[in-house]
PDB file of N, CA and C in Angstrom:
ATOM      1  N   MET A   1      49.612-111.267  89.309  1.00  0.00           N
ATOM      2  CA  MET A   1      51.061-111.828  87.799  1.00  0.00           C
ATOM      3  C   MET A   1      52.005-112.603  88.408  1.00  0.00           C
ATOM      4  N   ASN A   2      52.642-113.219  89.381  1.00  0.00           N
ATOM      5  CA  ASN A   2      53.778-113.110  89.458  1.00  0.00           C
ATOM      6  C   ASN A   2      53.948-114.588  90.063  1.00  0.00           C
ATOM      7  N   GLU A   3      52.724-114.667  90.425  1.00  0.00           N
ATOM      8  CA  GLU A   3      52.059-116.520  90.424  1.00  0.00           C
ATOM      9  C   GLU A   3      51.906-116.898  89.208  1.00  0.00           C
ATOM     10  N   VAL A   4      51.326-116.324  88.807  1.00  0.00           N
ATOM     11  CA  VAL A   4      50.613-116.382  87.151  1.00  0.00           C
ATOM     12  C   VAL A   4      52.033-116.934  85.778  1.00  0.00           C
ATOM     13  N   GLU A   5      52.627-116.039  86.429  1.00  0.00           N
ATOM     14  CA  GLU A   5      54.133-116.370  85.156  1.00  0.00           C
ATOM     15  C   GLU A   5      54.974-117.438  85.982  1.00  0.00           C
ATOM     16  N   LYS A   6      54.895-117.795  87.407  1.00  0.00           N
ATOM     17  CA  LYS A   6      55.225-119.087  87.417  1.00  0.00           C
ATOM     18  C   LYS A   6      54.998-119.914  87.804  1.00  0.00           C
ATOM     19  N   ASN A   7      53.727-120.048  87.772  1.00  0.00           N
ATOM     20  CA  ASN A   7      53.052-121.553  87.326  1.00  0.00           C
ATOM     21  C   ASN A   7      53.032-121.927  85.982  1.00  0.00           C
ATOM     22  N   LEU A   8      52.364-120.571  85.375  1.00  0.00           N
ATOM     23  CA  LEU A   8      52.419-120.834  84.063  1.00  0.00           C
ATOM     24  C   LEU A   8      53.934-121.521  82.827  1.00  0.00           C
ATOM     25  N   ARG A   9      55.159-121.304  83.771  1.00  0.00           N
ATOM     26  CA  ARG A   9      56.291-121.675  83.512  1.00  0.00           C
ATOM     27  C   ARG A   9      56.203-123.149  83.822  1.00  0.00           C
ATOM     28  N   LEU A  10      55.773-123.268  84.569  1.00  0.00           N
ATOM     29  CA  LEU A  10      55.961-124.925  85.116  1.00  0.00           C
ATOM     30  C   LEU A  10      55.092-125.759  84.360  1.00  0.00           C
ATOM     31  N   CYS A  11      53.766-125.342  83.880  1.00  0.00           N
ATOM     32  CA  CYS A  11      52.707-125.740  83.229  1.00  0.00           C
ATOM     33  C   CYS A  11      53.544-126.199  81.686  1.00  0.00           C
ATOM     34  N   LEU A  12      53.310-125.005  81.691  1.00  0.00           N
ATOM     35  CA  LEU A  12      54.355-125.297  80.321  1.00  0.00           C
ATOM     36  C   LEU A  12      55.695-126.515  80.245  1.00  0.00           C
ATOM     37  N   SER A  13      56.140-126.424  81.666  1.00  0.00           N
ATOM     38  CA  SER A  13      57.061-127.482  80.747  1.00  0.00           C
ATOM     39  C   SER A  13      56.694-128.710  81.140  1.00  0.00           C
ATOM     40  N   VAL A  14      55.783-129.216  81.649  1.00  0.00           N
ATOM     41  CA  VAL A  14      55.110-130.466  82.170  1.00  0.00           C
ATOM     42  C   VAL A  14      54.092-130.837  80.727  1.00  0.00           C
ATOM     43  N   LYS A  15      53.923-129.919  80.301  1.00  0.00           N
ATOM     44  CA  LYS A  15      52.797-129.918  78.650  1.00  0.00           C
ATOM     45  C   LYS A  15      53.627-129.899  77.947  1.00  0.00           C
ATOM     46  N   GLU A  16      54.501-129.272  77.667  1.00  0.00           N
ATOM     47  CA  GLU A  16      55.451-129.465  76.435  1.00  0.00           C
ATOM     48  C   GLU A  16      56.151-130.487  76.596  1.00  0.00           C
ATOM     49  N   ARG A  17      56.355-131.296  77.224  1.00  0.00           N
ATOM     50  CA  ARG A  17      57.195-132.940  77.432  1.00  0.00           C
ATOM     51  C   ARG A  17      56.022-134.357  77.343  1.00  0.00           C
ATOM     52  N   LYS A  18      54.910-133.499  78.023  1.00  0.00           N
ATOM     53  CA  LYS A  18      53.615-134.595  77.536  1.00  0.00           C
ATOM     54  C   LYS A  18      53.355-134.511  75.925  1.00  0.00           C
ATOM     55  N   ILE A  19      53.135-133.611  75.403  1.00  0.00           N
ATOM     56  CA  ILE A  19      52.997-133.456  74.185  1.00  0.00           C
ATOM     57  C   ILE A  19      53.700-133.576  73.277  1.00  0.00           C
ATOM     58  N   ALA A  20      55.850-134.037  73.505  1.00  0.00           N
ATOM     59  CA  ALA A  20      56.753-134.407  72.838  1.00  0.00           C
ATOM     60  C   ALA A  20      56.566-135.307  72.164  1.00  0.00           C
ATOM     61  N   PRO A  21      56.035-136.606  71.993  1.00  0.00           N
ATOM     62  CA  PRO A  21      55.502-137.286  71.073  1.00  0.00           C
ATOM     63  C   PRO A  21      55.048-137.772  70.468  1.00  0.00           C
ATOM     64  N   TYR A  22      53.747-136.658  70.233  1.00  0.00           N
ATOM     65  CA  TYR A  22      53.038-136.603  69.724  1.00  0.00           C
ATOM     66  C   TYR A  22      52.707-135.159  68.653  1.00  0.00           C
ATOM     67  N   ARG A  23      53.698-134.000  68.857  1.00  0.00           N
ATOM     68  CA  ARG A  23      53.890-133.015  68.427  1.00  0.00           C
ATOM     69  C   ARG A  23      54.011-133.064  66.448  1.00  0.00           C
ATOM     70  N   ASP A  24      54.539-134.176  66.386  1.00  0.00           N
ATOM     71  CA  ASP A  24      54.291-134.125  64.756  1.00  0.00           C
ATOM     72  C   ASP A  24      52.989-134.547  63.802  1.00  0.00           C
ATOM     73  N   LYS A  25      52.287-135.345  64.820  1.00  0.00           N
ATOM     74  CA  LYS A  25      51.168-135.279  64.356  1.00  0.00           C
ATOM     75  C   LYS A  25      50.029-134.341  63.914  1.00  0.00           C
ATOM     76  N   TYR A  26      50.009-133.160  64.733  1.00  0.00           N
ATOM     77  CA  TYR A  26      49.419-132.427  64.582  1.00  0.00           C
ATOM     78  C   TYR A  26      49.734-130.734  63.569  1.00  0.00           C
ATOM     79  N   PRO A  27      49.248-130.029  63.068  1.00  0.00           N
ATOM     80  CA  PRO A  27      49.768-128.654  62.703  1.00  0.00           C
ATOM     81  C   PRO A  27      50.164-127.957  64.172  1.00  0.00           C
ATOM     82  N   GLU A  28      48.847-127.790  64.706  1.00  0.00           N
ATOM     83  CA  GLU A  28      49.045-126.618  65.499  1.00  0.00           C
ATOM     84  C   GLU A  28      48.946-127.525  67.323  1.00  0.00           C
ATOM     85  N   TRP A  29      49.118-126.436  67.956  1.00  0.00           N
ATOM     86  CA  TRP A  29      48.629-127.266  69.687  1.00  0.00           C
ATOM     87  C   TRP A  29      48.619-125.727  70.264  1.00  0.00           C
ATOM     88  N   TRP A  30      47.250-126.078  71.127  1.00  0.00           N
ATOM     89  CA  TRP A  30      47.033-125.154  71.733  1.00  0.00           C
ATOM     90  C   TRP A  30      47.002-125.687  73.323  1.00  0.00           C
ATOM     91  N   LEU A  31      47.335-124.758  74.372  1.00  0.00           N
ATOM     92  CA  LEU A  31      47.254-124.821  75.690  1.00  0.00           C
ATOM     93  C   LEU A  31      46.567-124.041  76.545  1.00  0.00           C
ATOM     94  N   VAL A  32      45.073-124.728  77.185  1.00  0.00           N
ATOM     95  CA  VAL A  32      44.007-124.203  77.851  1.00  0.00           C
ATOM     96  C   VAL A  32      43.746-124.277  78.971  1.00  0.00           C
ATOM     97  N   LEU A  33      44.258-123.735  79.873  1.00  0.00           N
ATOM     98  CA  LEU A  33      44.115-123.866  81.439  1.00  0.00           C
ATOM     99  C   LEU A  33      43.523-122.386  82.155  1.00  0.00           C
ATOM    100  N   THR A  34      42.626-123.217  83.468  1.00  0.00           N
ATOM    101  CA  THR A  34      42.519-122.323  83.893  1.00  0.00           C
ATOM    102  C   THR A  34      42.642-121.940  84.733  1.00  0.00           C
ATOM    103  N   ASP A  35      42.281-120.800  84.882  1.00  0.00           N
ATOM    104  CA  ASP A  35      43.193-119.795  85.961  1.00  0.00           C
ATOM    105  C   ASP A  35      42.815-119.808  86.925  1.00  0.00           C
ATOM    106  N   HIS A  36      43.210-120.702  88.504  1.00  0.00           N
ATOM    107  CA  HIS A  36      42.758-121.034  89.031  1.00  0.00           C
ATOM    108  C   HIS A  36      43.367-119.879  90.712  1.00  0.00           C
ATOM    109  N   ILE A  37      44.790-119.100  90.220  1.00  0.00           N
ATOM    110  CA  ILE A  37      45.050-118.256  90.826  1.00  0.00           C
ATOM    111  C   ILE A  37      45.372-116.935  91.293  1.00  0.00           C
ATOM    112  N   ASN A  38      45.313-116.338  89.908  1.00  0.00           N
ATOM    113  CA  ASN A  38      44.322-115.026  89.302  1.00  0.00           C
ATOM    114  C   ASN A  38      42.837-114.632  89.409  1.00  0.00           C
ATOM    115  N   TYR A  39      41.989-115.931  88.951  1.00  0.00           N
ATOM    116  CA  TYR A  39      40.771-115.444  89.071  1.00  0.00           C
ATOM    117  C   TYR A  39      40.389-114.742  87.559  1.00  0.00           C
ATOM    118  N   GLY A  40      41.202-114.826  86.811  1.00  0.00           N
ATOM    119  CA  GLY A  40      41.197-113.985  85.317  1.00  0.00           C
ATOM    120  C   GLY A  40      41.678-112.520  85.946  1.00  0.00           C
ATOM    121  N   MET A  41      42.300-112.073  84.557  1.00  0.00           N
ATOM    122  CA  MET A  41      42.842-110.743  84.797  1.00  0.00           C
ATOM    123  C   MET A  41      42.297-109.974  84.184  1.00  0.00           C
ATOM    124  N   ASP A  42      42.306-108.548  84.929  1.00  0.00           N
ATOM    125  CA  ASP A  42      41.282-107.369  84.258  1.00  0.00           C
ATOM    126  C   ASP A  42      42.190-106.992  82.930  1.00  0.00           C
ATOM    127  N   LEU A  43      41.328-106.559  82.178  1.00  0.00           N
ATOM    128  CA  LEU A  43      42.116-106.100  81.132  1.00  0.00           C
ATOM    129  C   LEU A  43      43.738-104.837  80.843  1.00  0.00           C
ATOM    130  N   GLU A  44      43.757-104.599  81.751  1.00  0.00           N
ATOM    131  CA  GLU A  44      44.435-103.632  82.099  1.00  0.00           C
ATOM    132  C   GLU A  44      45.477-104.402  81.777  1.00  0.00           C
ATOM    133  N   ASP A  45      45.622-105.799  83.526  1.00  0.00           N
ATOM    134  CA  ASP A  45      46.390-106.481  84.102  1.00  0.00           C
ATOM    135  C   ASP A  45      46.768-107.232  82.686  1.00  0.00           C
ATOM    136  N   LEU A  46      45.670-107.724  81.441  1.00  0.00           N
ATOM    137  CA  LEU A  46      46.249-108.894  80.636  1.00  0.00           C
ATOM    138  C   LEU A  46      47.181-107.985  79.607  1.00  0.00           C
ATOM    139  N   GLU A  47      46.544-107.370  79.589  1.00  0.00           N
ATOM    140  CA  GLU A  47      47.886-106.401  78.367  1.00  0.00           C
ATOM    141  C   GLU A  47      49.095-106.276  78.947  1.00  0.00           C
ATOM    142  N   VAL A  48      49.316-105.930  80.305  1.00  0.00           N
ATOM    143  CA  VAL A  48      50.725-105.890  80.742  1.00  0.00           C
ATOM    144  C   VAL A  48      51.266-107.392  80.360  1.00  0.00           C
ATOM    145  N   PHE A  49      50.441-108.339  81.023  1.00  0.00           N
ATOM    146  CA  PHE A  49      50.908-109.891  80.612  1.00  0.00           C
ATOM    147  C   PHE A  49      51.395-110.318  79.640  1.00  0.00           C
ATOM    148  N   ARG A  50      50.501-109.786  78.696  1.00  0.00           N
ATOM    149  CA  ARG A  50      50.863-109.920  77.055  1.00  0.00           C
ATOM    150  C   ARG A  50      51.980-109.325  76.862  1.00  0.00           C
ATOM    151  N   VAL A  51      52.300-108.073  76.895  1.00  0.00           N
ATOM    152  CA  VAL A  51      53.493-107.414  75.815  1.00  0.00           C
ATOM    153  C   VAL A  51      54.703-107.275  76.982  1.00  0.00           C
ATOM    154  N   GLU A  52      54.424-107.560  77.992  1.00  0.00           N
ATOM    155  CA  GLU A  52      55.579-107.518  79.418  1.00  0.00           C
ATOM    156  C   GLU A  52      56.060-109.047  80.152  1.00  0.00           C
ATOM    157  N   VAL A  53      55.384-109.985  80.203  1.00  0.00           N
ATOM    158  CA  VAL A  53      56.329-110.828  80.988  1.00  0.00           C
ATOM    159  C   VAL A  53      55.648-111.956  79.288  1.00  0.00           C
ATOM    160  N   MET A  54      55.098-112.238  78.700  1.00  0.00           N
ATOM    161  CA  MET A  54      54.753-113.561  77.748  1.00  0.00           C
ATOM    162  C   MET A  54      56.548-113.380  76.533  1.00  0.00           C
ATOM    163  N   PRO A  55      57.052-112.415  76.275  1.00  0.00           N
ATOM    164  CA  PRO A  55      57.739-112.501  75.005  1.00  0.00           C
ATOM    165  C   PRO A  55      58.374-113.051  75.791  1.00  0.00           C
ATOM    166  N   SER A  56      59.073-112.904  77.391  1.00  0.00           N
ATOM    167  CA  SER A  56      60.221-114.018  78.069  1.00  0.00           C
ATOM    168  C   SER A  56      59.996-115.494  78.423  1.00  0.00           C
ATOM    169  N   ILE A  57      58.639-115.679  77.955  1.00  0.00           N
ATOM    170  CA  ILE A  57      59.055-116.776  78.140  1.00  0.00           C
ATOM    171  C   ILE A  57      58.141-118.022  76.973  1.00  0.00           C
ATOM    172  N   GLN A  58      59.439-118.488  76.640  1.00  0.00           N
ATOM    173  CA  GLN A  58      59.509-119.810  75.453  1.00  0.00           C
ATOM    174  C   GLN A  58      58.581-120.989  75.666  1.00  0.00           C
ATOM    175  N   HIS A  59      58.241-120.984  74.548  1.00  0.00           N
ATOM    176  CA  HIS A  59      56.876-122.053  75.068  1.00  0.00           C
ATOM    177  C   HIS A  59      56.918-123.154  73.240  1.00  0.00           C
ATOM    178  N   ALA A  60      56.134-124.003  73.164  1.00  0.00           N
ATOM    179  CA  ALA A  60      56.322-124.744  72.085  1.00  0.00           C
ATOM    180  C   ALA A  60      54.769-124.824  71.304  1.00  0.00           C
ATOM    181  N   PHE A  61      53.940-123.916  72.074  1.00  0.00           N
ATOM    182  CA  PHE A  61      52.050-123.975  71.415  1.00  0.00           C
ATOM    183  C   PHE A  61      51.723-122.848  70.925  1.00  0.00           C
ATOM    184  N   ASP A  62      50.706-123.319  69.892  1.00  0.00           N
ATOM    185  CA  ASP A  62      50.299-122.042  69.301  1.00  0.00           C
ATOM    186  C   ASP A  62      49.734-121.262  69.618  1.00  0.00           C
ATOM    187  N   LYS A  63      49.216-120.903  70.654  1.00  0.00           N
ATOM    188  CA  LYS A  63      48.317-120.698  71.514  1.00  0.00           C
ATOM    189  C   LYS A  63      47.956-121.253  72.775  1.00  0.00           C
ATOM    190  N   ILE A  64      48.152-119.826  74.072  1.00  0.00           N
ATOM    191  CA  ILE A  64      47.599-119.944  75.540  1.00  0.00           C
ATOM    192  C   ILE A  64      46.428-119.136  75.582  1.00  0.00           C
ATOM    193  N   ILE A  65      45.793-120.016  76.321  1.00  0.00           N
ATOM    194  CA  ILE A  65      44.678-119.321  76.746  1.00  0.00           C
ATOM    195  C   ILE A  65      44.046-119.319  78.198  1.00  0.00           C
ATOM    196  N   LEU A  66      43.937-118.842  79.175  1.00  0.00           N
ATOM    197  CA  LEU A  66      43.489-118.694  80.425  1.00  0.00           C
ATOM    198  C   LEU A  66      41.858-118.407  80.448  1.00  0.00           C
ATOM    199  N   ILE A  67      41.194-119.623  81.460  1.00  0.00           N
ATOM    200  CA  ILE A  67      39.828-119.392  81.884  1.00  0.00           C
ATOM    201  C   ILE A  67      39.492-118.688  83.120  1.00  0.00           C
ATOM    202  N   ASP A  68      38.892-117.445  83.003  1.00  0.00           N
ATOM    203  CA  ASP A  68      38.493-117.292  84.641  1.00  0.00           C
ATOM    204  C   ASP A  68      37.200-118.614  84.972  1.00  0.00           C
ATOM    205  N   PRO A  69      37.729-119.329  86.108  1.00  0.00           N
ATOM    206  CA  PRO A  69      36.558-120.616  87.013  1.00  0.00           C
ATOM    207  C   PRO A  69      35.829-120.306  87.068  1.00  0.00           C
ATOM    208  N   ARG A  70      35.394-119.164  87.187  1.00  0.00           N
ATOM    209  CA  ARG A  70      33.823-118.357  87.808  1.00  0.00           C
ATOM    210  C   ARG A  70      33.218-117.928  86.809  1.00  0.00           C
ATOM    211  N   ASP A  71      33.639-117.940  85.313  1.00  0.00           N
ATOM    212  CA  ASP A  71      33.065-117.182  84.627  1.00  0.00           C
ATOM    213  C   ASP A  71      33.686-117.696  83.322  1.00  0.00           C
ATOM    214  N   HIS A  72      33.266-118.739  82.650  1.00  0.00           N
ATOM    215  CA  HIS A  72      33.969-119.124  81.673  1.00  0.00           C
ATOM    216  C   HIS A  72      33.815-118.627  80.321  1.00  0.00           C
ATOM    217  N   SER A  73      33.118-118.250  80.492  1.00  0.00           N
ATOM    218  CA  SER A  73      32.943-116.407  79.180  1.00  0.00           C
ATOM    219  C   SER A  73      33.771-115.790  79.124  1.00  0.00           C
ATOM    220  N   ARG A  74      34.820-115.749  80.198  1.00  0.00           N
ATOM    221  CA  ARG A  74      35.756-114.684  80.501  1.00  0.00           C
ATOM    222  C   ARG A  74      37.350-115.584  79.959  1.00  0.00           C
ATOM    223  N   VAL A  75      37.553-115.611  79.065  1.00  0.00           N
ATOM    224  CA  VAL A  75      38.534-115.883  78.172  1.00  0.00           C
ATOM    225  C   VAL A  75      40.117-115.308  77.289  1.00  0.00           C
ATOM    226  N   PHE A  76      40.849-115.515  78.156  1.00  0.00           N
ATOM    227  CA  PHE A  76      42.030-114.924  77.909  1.00  0.00           C
ATOM    228  C   PHE A  76      43.533-115.542  76.734  1.00  0.00           C
ATOM    229  N   GLU A  77      43.496-114.849  75.989  1.00  0.00           N
ATOM    230  CA  GLU A  77      44.919-115.438  75.292  1.00  0.00           C
ATOM    231  C   GLU A  77      45.677-114.482  75.284  1.00  0.00           C
ATOM    232  N   VAL A  78      47.121-115.121  76.178  1.00  0.00           N
ATOM    233  CA  VAL A  78      47.987-114.502  76.318  1.00  0.00           C
ATOM    234  C   VAL A  78      48.690-115.028  75.342  1.00  0.00           C
TER     235      VAL A  78
END
């Protein structure tokens, strides 16, 4: 989970800079990432990540979604 947090912070920083010039064009912004680090967290880990980790990560996105690359039906909104 630590690697997911570390890399999510990096991705957020990069993606926020990329959308900055276009931010006002759309009312809502989602970030969808393929989770090649953890390959999808189990439900318990996901809940821990949502409750304990995500509140400490500031970001400008309305939703952040992680997709398990091995099974695209496993989608987790964090």
